[in-house]
Amino acid sequence: MREIIFEVREDEMDGGFVALALGYSIATQGDTLEELRLMVKEAVKCHFGDGEAGQAPQIIRLHFVRDEVLTA
């Protein structure tokens, strides 16, 4: 596998960020973007394990989704 994509959203209730992998059961969160990046790498490593290096993605892409609410 070459790439895995995470959808990242701000957590409106608790603050920080939540990341969900597309097509995999991987989810993590972090209070800051720096922490989120570390947590995403760790979550991918835990999901694919050390023994399955050939199956682990080479690229981790973070796709930021931002909701904006407008009033009339």
PDB file of N, CA and C in Angstrom:
ATOM      1  N   MET A   1       0.847  -1.170   0.000  1.00  0.00           N
ATOM      2  CA  MET A   1       0.000   0.000   0.000  1.00  0.00           C
ATOM      3  C   MET A   1       0.898   1.240   0.000  1.00  0.00           C
ATOM      4  N   ARG A   2       0.529   2.181  -0.765  1.00  0.00           N
ATOM      5  CA  ARG A   2       1.353   3.372  -0.903  1.00  0.00           C
ATOM      6  C   ARG A   2       0.900   4.523  -0.005  1.00  0.00           C
ATOM      7  N   GLU A   3      -0.411   4.712   0.160  1.00  0.00           N
ATOM      8  CA  GLU A   3      -0.910   5.918   0.827  1.00  0.00           C
ATOM      9  C   GLU A   3      -2.150   5.611   1.651  1.00  0.00           C
ATOM     10  N   ILE A   4      -2.294   6.327   2.764  1.00  0.00           N
ATOM     11  CA  ILE A   4      -3.503   6.285   3.568  1.00  0.00           C
ATOM     12  C   ILE A   4      -3.931   7.733   3.803  1.00  0.00           C
ATOM     13  N   ILE A   5      -5.234   7.973   3.759  1.00  0.00           N
ATOM     14  CA  ILE A   5      -5.759   9.330   3.913  1.00  0.00           C
ATOM     15  C   ILE A   5      -6.601   9.402   5.178  1.00  0.00           C
ATOM     16  N   PHE A   6      -6.357  10.441   5.960  1.00  0.00           N
ATOM     17  CA  PHE A   6      -7.140  10.726   7.158  1.00  0.00           C
ATOM     18  C   PHE A   6      -7.949  11.991   6.933  1.00  0.00           C
ATOM     19  N   GLU A   7      -9.222  11.940   7.292  1.00  0.00           N
ATOM     20  CA  GLU A   7     -10.050  13.132   7.297  1.00  0.00           C
ATOM     21  C   GLU A   7      -9.916  13.771   8.674  1.00  0.00           C
ATOM     22  N   VAL A   8      -9.535  15.038   8.713  1.00  0.00           N
ATOM     23  CA  VAL A   8      -9.286  15.731   9.978  1.00  0.00           C
ATOM     24  C   VAL A   8     -10.323  16.838  10.164  1.00  0.00           C
ATOM     25  N   ARG A   9     -10.927  16.843  11.331  1.00  0.00           N
ATOM     26  CA  ARG A   9     -11.899  17.890  11.694  1.00  0.00           C
ATOM     27  C   ARG A   9     -11.547  18.451  13.063  1.00  0.00           C
ATOM     28  N   GLU A  10     -11.907  19.708  13.269  1.00  0.00           N
ATOM     29  CA  GLU A  10     -11.769  20.286  14.602  1.00  0.00           C
ATOM     30  C   GLU A  10     -12.877  19.720  15.480  1.00  0.00           C
ATOM     31  N   ASP A  11     -12.539  19.421  16.721  1.00  0.00           N
ATOM     32  CA  ASP A  11     -13.514  18.917  17.683  1.00  0.00           C
ATOM     33  C   ASP A  11     -14.183  20.123  18.338  1.00  0.00           C
ATOM     34  N   GLU A  12     -15.401  20.428  17.922  1.00  0.00           N
ATOM     35  CA  GLU A  12     -16.098  21.621  18.407  1.00  0.00           C
ATOM     36  C   GLU A  12     -16.483  21.515  19.883  1.00  0.00           C
ATOM     37  N   MET A  13     -16.710  20.314  20.363  1.00  0.00           N
ATOM     38  CA  MET A  13     -17.137  20.127  21.752  1.00  0.00           C
ATOM     39  C   MET A  13     -15.975  20.266  22.738  1.00  0.00           C
ATOM     40  N   ASP A  14     -14.877  19.565  22.458  1.00  0.00           N
ATOM     41  CA  ASP A  14     -13.773  19.498  23.409  1.00  0.00           C
ATOM     42  C   ASP A  14     -12.539  20.273  22.969  1.00  0.00           C
ATOM     43  N   GLY A  15     -12.531  20.799  21.749  1.00  0.00           N
ATOM     44  CA  GLY A  15     -11.335  21.452  21.228  1.00  0.00           C
ATOM     45  C   GLY A  15     -10.384  20.412  20.664  1.00  0.00           C
ATOM     46  N   GLY A  16      -9.355  20.843  19.992  1.00  0.00           N
ATOM     47  CA  GLY A  16      -8.399  19.922  19.410  1.00  0.00           C
ATOM     48  C   GLY A  16      -8.877  19.416  18.061  1.00  0.00           C
ATOM     49  N   PHE A  17      -8.331  18.269  17.640  1.00  0.00           N
ATOM     50  CA  PHE A  17      -8.596  17.724  16.310  1.00  0.00           C
ATOM     51  C   PHE A  17      -8.859  16.229  16.391  1.00  0.00           C
ATOM     52  N   VAL A  18      -9.703  15.741  15.478  1.00  0.00           N
ATOM     53  CA  VAL A  18     -10.021  14.321  15.372  1.00  0.00           C
ATOM     54  C   VAL A  18      -9.676  13.879  13.957  1.00  0.00           C
ATOM     55  N   ALA A  19      -9.005  12.728  13.826  1.00  0.00           N
ATOM     56  CA  ALA A  19      -8.621  12.196  12.520  1.00  0.00           C
ATOM     57  C   ALA A  19      -9.189  10.794  12.347  1.00  0.00           C
ATOM     58  N   LEU A  20      -9.858  10.567  11.204  1.00  0.00           N
ATOM     59  CA  LEU A  20     -10.431   9.267  10.875  1.00  0.00           C
ATOM     60  C   LEU A  20      -9.863   8.807   9.543  1.00  0.00           C
ATOM     61  N   ALA A  21      -9.340   7.577   9.501  1.00  0.00           N
ATOM     62  CA  ALA A  21      -8.783   7.035   8.271  1.00  0.00           C
ATOM     63  C   ALA A  21      -9.915   6.638   7.330  1.00  0.00           C
ATOM     64  N   LEU A  22      -9.742   6.922   6.056  1.00  0.00           N
ATOM     65  CA  LEU A  22     -10.725   6.528   5.057  1.00  0.00           C
ATOM     66  C   LEU A  22     -10.444   5.095   4.621  1.00  0.00           C
ATOM     67  N   GLY A  23     -11.418   4.215   4.833  1.00  0.00           N
ATOM     68  CA  GLY A  23     -11.282   2.819   4.421  1.00  0.00           C
ATOM     69  C   GLY A  23     -10.646   1.912   5.455  1.00  0.00           C
ATOM     70  N   TYR A  24     -10.305   2.437   6.610  1.00  0.00           N
ATOM     71  CA  TYR A  24      -9.690   1.639   7.676  1.00  0.00           C
ATOM     72  C   TYR A  24     -10.314   2.024   9.009  1.00  0.00           C
ATOM     73  N   SER A  25     -10.266   1.112   9.956  1.00  0.00           N
ATOM     74  CA  SER A  25     -10.797   1.381  11.294  1.00  0.00           C
ATOM     75  C   SER A  25      -9.705   1.997  12.154  1.00  0.00           C
ATOM     76  N   ILE A  26      -9.296   3.190  11.780  1.00  0.00           N
ATOM     77  CA  ILE A  26      -8.263   3.903  12.525  1.00  0.00           C
ATOM     78  C   ILE A  26      -8.799   5.290  12.848  1.00  0.00           C
ATOM     79  N   ALA A  27      -8.774   5.648  14.122  1.00  0.00           N
ATOM     80  CA  ALA A  27      -9.195   6.973  14.573  1.00  0.00           C
ATOM     81  C   ALA A  27      -8.274   7.415  15.691  1.00  0.00           C
ATOM     82  N   THR A  28      -8.006   8.718  15.738  1.00  0.00           N
ATOM     83  CA  THR A  28      -7.179   9.259  16.806  1.00  0.00           C
ATOM     84  C   THR A  28      -7.491  10.734  16.964  1.00  0.00           C
ATOM     85  N   GLN A  29      -6.906  11.338  17.976  1.00  0.00           N
ATOM     86  CA  GLN A  29      -7.144  12.754  18.223  1.00  0.00           C
ATOM     87  C   GLN A  29      -5.926  13.390  18.869  1.00  0.00           C
ATOM     88  N   GLY A  30      -5.897  14.714  18.831  1.00  0.00           N
ATOM     89  CA  GLY A  30      -4.813  15.461  19.468  1.00  0.00           C
ATOM     90  C   GLY A  30      -5.277  16.861  19.809  1.00  0.00           C
ATOM     91  N   ASP A  31      -4.695  17.437  20.842  1.00  0.00           N
ATOM     92  CA  ASP A  31      -5.069  18.791  21.257  1.00  0.00           C
ATOM     93  C   ASP A  31      -4.523  19.855  20.315  1.00  0.00           C
ATOM     94  N   THR A  32      -3.374  19.581  19.690  1.00  0.00           N
ATOM     95  CA  THR A  32      -2.748  20.502  18.755  1.00  0.00           C
ATOM     96  C   THR A  32      -2.450  19.760  17.456  1.00  0.00           C
ATOM     97  N   LEU A  33      -2.117  20.495  16.411  1.00  0.00           N
ATOM     98  CA  LEU A  33      -1.756  19.845  15.154  1.00  0.00           C
ATOM     99  C   LEU A  33      -0.488  19.019  15.299  1.00  0.00           C
ATOM    100  N   GLU A  34       0.467  19.509  16.061  1.00  0.00           N
ATOM    101  CA  GLU A  34       1.703  18.749  16.306  1.00  0.00           C
ATOM    102  C   GLU A  34       1.381  17.410  16.972  1.00  0.00           C
ATOM    103  N   GLU A  35       0.558  17.461  18.012  1.00  0.00           N
ATOM    104  CA  GLU A  35       0.191  16.229  18.719  1.00  0.00           C
ATOM    105  C   GLU A  35      -0.609  15.305  17.801  1.00  0.00           C
ATOM    106  N   LEU A  36      -1.511  15.865  17.005  1.00  0.00           N
ATOM    107  CA  LEU A  36      -2.307  15.055  16.089  1.00  0.00           C
ATOM    108  C   LEU A  36      -1.412  14.312  15.099  1.00  0.00           C
ATOM    109  N   ARG A  37      -0.431  14.991  14.541  1.00  0.00           N
ATOM    110  CA  ARG A  37       0.491  14.349  13.593  1.00  0.00           C
ATOM    111  C   ARG A  37       1.198  13.158  14.234  1.00  0.00           C
ATOM    112  N   LEU A  38       1.665  13.339  15.455  1.00  0.00           N
ATOM    113  CA  LEU A  38       2.329  12.235  16.166  1.00  0.00           C
ATOM    114  C   LEU A  38       1.358  11.089  16.439  1.00  0.00           C
ATOM    115  N   MET A  39       0.136  11.434  16.845  1.00  0.00           N
ATOM    116  CA  MET A  39      -0.855  10.408  17.163  1.00  0.00           C
ATOM    117  C   MET A  39      -1.279   9.639  15.913  1.00  0.00           C
ATOM    118  N   VAL A  40      -1.378  10.319  14.771  1.00  0.00           N
ATOM    119  CA  VAL A  40      -1.735   9.646  13.520  1.00  0.00           C
ATOM    120  C   VAL A  40      -0.648   8.643  13.148  1.00  0.00           C
ATOM    121  N   LYS A  41       0.611   9.057  13.220  1.00  0.00           N
ATOM    122  CA  LYS A  41       1.715   8.142  12.899  1.00  0.00           C
ATOM    123  C   LYS A  41       1.700   6.924  13.816  1.00  0.00           C
ATOM    124  N   GLU A  42       1.468   7.157  15.098  1.00  0.00           N
ATOM    125  CA  GLU A  42       1.427   6.064  16.071  1.00  0.00           C
ATOM    126  C   GLU A  42       0.245   5.132  15.802  1.00  0.00           C
ATOM    127  N   ALA A  43      -0.910   5.702  15.468  1.00  0.00           N
ATOM    128  CA  ALA A  43      -2.098   4.887  15.191  1.00  0.00           C
ATOM    129  C   ALA A  43      -1.881   4.005  13.962  1.00  0.00           C
ATOM    130  N   VAL A  44      -1.250   4.555  12.921  1.00  0.00           N
ATOM    131  CA  VAL A  44      -0.973   3.769  11.716  1.00  0.00           C
ATOM    132  C   VAL A  44       0.007   2.651  12.046  1.00  0.00           C
ATOM    133  N   LYS A  45       1.027   2.968  12.821  1.00  0.00           N
ATOM    134  CA  LYS A  45       2.016   1.958  13.211  1.00  0.00           C
ATOM    135  C   LYS A  45       1.352   0.837  14.016  1.00  0.00           C
ATOM    136  N   CYS A  46       0.468   1.195  14.937  1.00  0.00           N
ATOM    137  CA  CYS A  46      -0.227   0.190  15.745  1.00  0.00           C
ATOM    138  C   CYS A  46      -1.173  -0.657  14.884  1.00  0.00           C
ATOM    139  N   HIS A  47      -1.860  -0.034  13.951  1.00  0.00           N
ATOM    140  CA  HIS A  47      -2.824  -0.754  13.113  1.00  0.00           C
ATOM    141  C   HIS A  47      -2.141  -1.785  12.215  1.00  0.00           C
ATOM    142  N   PHE A  48      -1.063  -1.392  11.587  1.00  0.00           N
ATOM    143  CA  PHE A  48      -0.399  -2.286  10.642  1.00  0.00           C
ATOM    144  C   PHE A  48       0.672  -3.151  11.303  1.00  0.00           C
ATOM    145  N   GLY A  49       1.098  -2.796  12.506  1.00  0.00           N
ATOM    146  CA  GLY A  49       2.074  -3.585  13.243  1.00  0.00           C
ATOM    147  C   GLY A  49       3.468  -3.484  12.662  1.00  0.00           C
ATOM    148  N   ASP A  50       4.453  -3.856  13.459  1.00  0.00           N
ATOM    149  CA  ASP A  50       5.847  -3.806  13.034  1.00  0.00           C
ATOM    150  C   ASP A  50       6.178  -4.910  12.039  1.00  0.00           C
ATOM    151  N   GLY A  51       5.512  -6.060  12.151  1.00  0.00           N
ATOM    152  CA  GLY A  51       5.829  -7.195  11.305  1.00  0.00           C
ATOM    153  C   GLY A  51       5.263  -7.114   9.899  1.00  0.00           C
ATOM    154  N   GLU A  52       4.378  -6.151   9.659  1.00  0.00           N
ATOM    155  CA  GLU A  52       3.747  -6.031   8.354  1.00  0.00           C
ATOM    156  C   GLU A  52       4.223  -4.781   7.630  1.00  0.00           C
ATOM    157  N   ALA A  53       5.502  -4.527   7.641  1.00  0.00           N
ATOM    158  CA  ALA A  53       6.047  -3.300   7.053  1.00  0.00           C
ATOM    159  C   ALA A  53       5.724  -3.189   5.572  1.00  0.00           C
ATOM    160  N   GLY A  54       5.612  -4.304   4.873  1.00  0.00           N
ATOM    161  CA  GLY A  54       5.288  -4.268   3.459  1.00  0.00           C
ATOM    162  C   GLY A  54       3.865  -3.798   3.190  1.00  0.00           C
ATOM    163  N   GLN A  55       2.975  -3.943   4.169  1.00  0.00           N
ATOM    164  CA  GLN A  55       1.586  -3.532   4.008  1.00  0.00           C
ATOM    165  C   GLN A  55       1.316  -2.132   4.541  1.00  0.00           C
ATOM    166  N   ALA A  56       2.209  -1.598   5.337  1.00  0.00           N
ATOM    167  CA  ALA A  56       2.021  -0.261   5.905  1.00  0.00           C
ATOM    168  C   ALA A  56       2.174   0.786   4.810  1.00  0.00           C
ATOM    169  N   PRO A  57       1.386   1.856   4.878  1.00  0.00           N
ATOM    170  CA  PRO A  57       1.485   2.900   3.854  1.00  0.00           C
ATOM    171  C   PRO A  57       2.802   3.660   3.948  1.00  0.00           C
ATOM    172  N   GLN A  58       3.272   4.089   2.800  1.00  0.00           N
ATOM    173  CA  GLN A  58       4.492   4.890   2.758  1.00  0.00           C
ATOM    174  C   GLN A  58       4.183   6.366   2.986  1.00  0.00           C
ATOM    175  N   ILE A  59       2.965   6.776   2.640  1.00  0.00           N
ATOM    176  CA  ILE A  59       2.559   8.177   2.770  1.00  0.00           C
ATOM    177  C   ILE A  59       1.288   8.245   3.605  1.00  0.00           C
ATOM    178  N   ILE A  60       1.261   9.174   4.537  1.00  0.00           N
ATOM    179  CA  ILE A  60       0.067   9.457   5.325  1.00  0.00           C
ATOM    180  C   ILE A  60      -0.377  10.867   4.948  1.00  0.00           C
ATOM    181  N   ARG A  61      -1.596  10.963   4.419  1.00  0.00           N
ATOM    182  CA  ARG A  61      -2.109  12.262   3.984  1.00  0.00           C
ATOM    183  C   ARG A  61      -3.206  12.706   4.952  1.00  0.00           C
ATOM    184  N   LEU A  62      -3.129  13.961   5.404  1.00  0.00           N
ATOM    185  CA  LEU A  62      -4.154  14.537   6.262  1.00  0.00           C
ATOM    186  C   LEU A  62      -4.997  15.486   5.419  1.00  0.00           C
ATOM    187  N   HIS A  63      -6.287  15.195   5.335  1.00  0.00           N
ATOM    188  CA  HIS A  63      -7.219  16.029   4.574  1.00  0.00           C
ATOM    189  C   HIS A  63      -8.057  16.805   5.588  1.00  0.00           C
ATOM    190  N   PHE A  64      -7.855  18.118   5.652  1.00  0.00           N
ATOM    191  CA  PHE A  64      -8.547  18.953   6.627  1.00  0.00           C
ATOM    192  C   PHE A  64      -9.903  19.386   6.097  1.00  0.00           C
ATOM    193  N   VAL A  65     -10.942  19.123   6.886  1.00  0.00           N
ATOM    194  CA  VAL A  65     -12.310  19.487   6.549  1.00  0.00           C
ATOM    195  C   VAL A  65     -12.741  20.570   7.526  1.00  0.00           C
ATOM    196  N   ARG A  66     -13.223  21.665   6.977  1.00  0.00           N
ATOM    197  CA  ARG A  66     -13.611  22.780   7.838  1.00  0.00           C
ATOM    198  C   ARG A  66     -15.043  23.177   7.516  1.00  0.00           C
ATOM    199  N   ASP A  67     -15.873  23.176   8.517  1.00  0.00           N
ATOM    200  CA  ASP A  67     -17.258  23.617   8.359  1.00  0.00           C
ATOM    201  C   ASP A  67     -17.337  25.083   8.714  1.00  0.00           C
ATOM    202  N   GLU A  68     -18.055  25.810   7.901  1.00  0.00           N
ATOM    203  CA  GLU A  68     -18.260  27.241   8.170  1.00  0.00           C
ATOM    204  C   GLU A  68     -19.748  27.503   8.156  1.00  0.00           C
ATOM    205  N   VAL A  69     -20.234  28.144   9.205  1.00  0.00           N
ATOM    206  CA  VAL A  69     -21.650  28.429   9.335  1.00  0.00           C
ATOM    207  C   VAL A  69     -21.877  29.921   9.100  1.00  0.00           C
ATOM    208  N   LEU A  70     -22.773  30.224   8.193  1.00  0.00           N
ATOM    209  CA  LEU A  70     -23.127  31.610   7.904  1.00  0.00           C
ATOM    210  C   LEU A  70     -24.567  31.857   8.311  1.00  0.00           C
ATOM    211  N   THR A  71     -24.846  33.047   8.781  1.00  0.00           N
ATOM    212  CA  THR A  71     -26.220  33.409   9.079  1.00  0.00           C
ATOM    213  C   THR A  71     -26.672  34.468   8.086  1.00  0.00           C
ATOM    214  N   ALA A  72     -27.944  34.500   7.813  1.00  0.00           N
ATOM    215  CA  ALA A  72     -28.481  35.453   6.829  1.00  0.00           C
ATOM    216  C   ALA A  72     -28.681  36.812   7.433  1.00  0.00           C
TER     217      ALA A  72
END
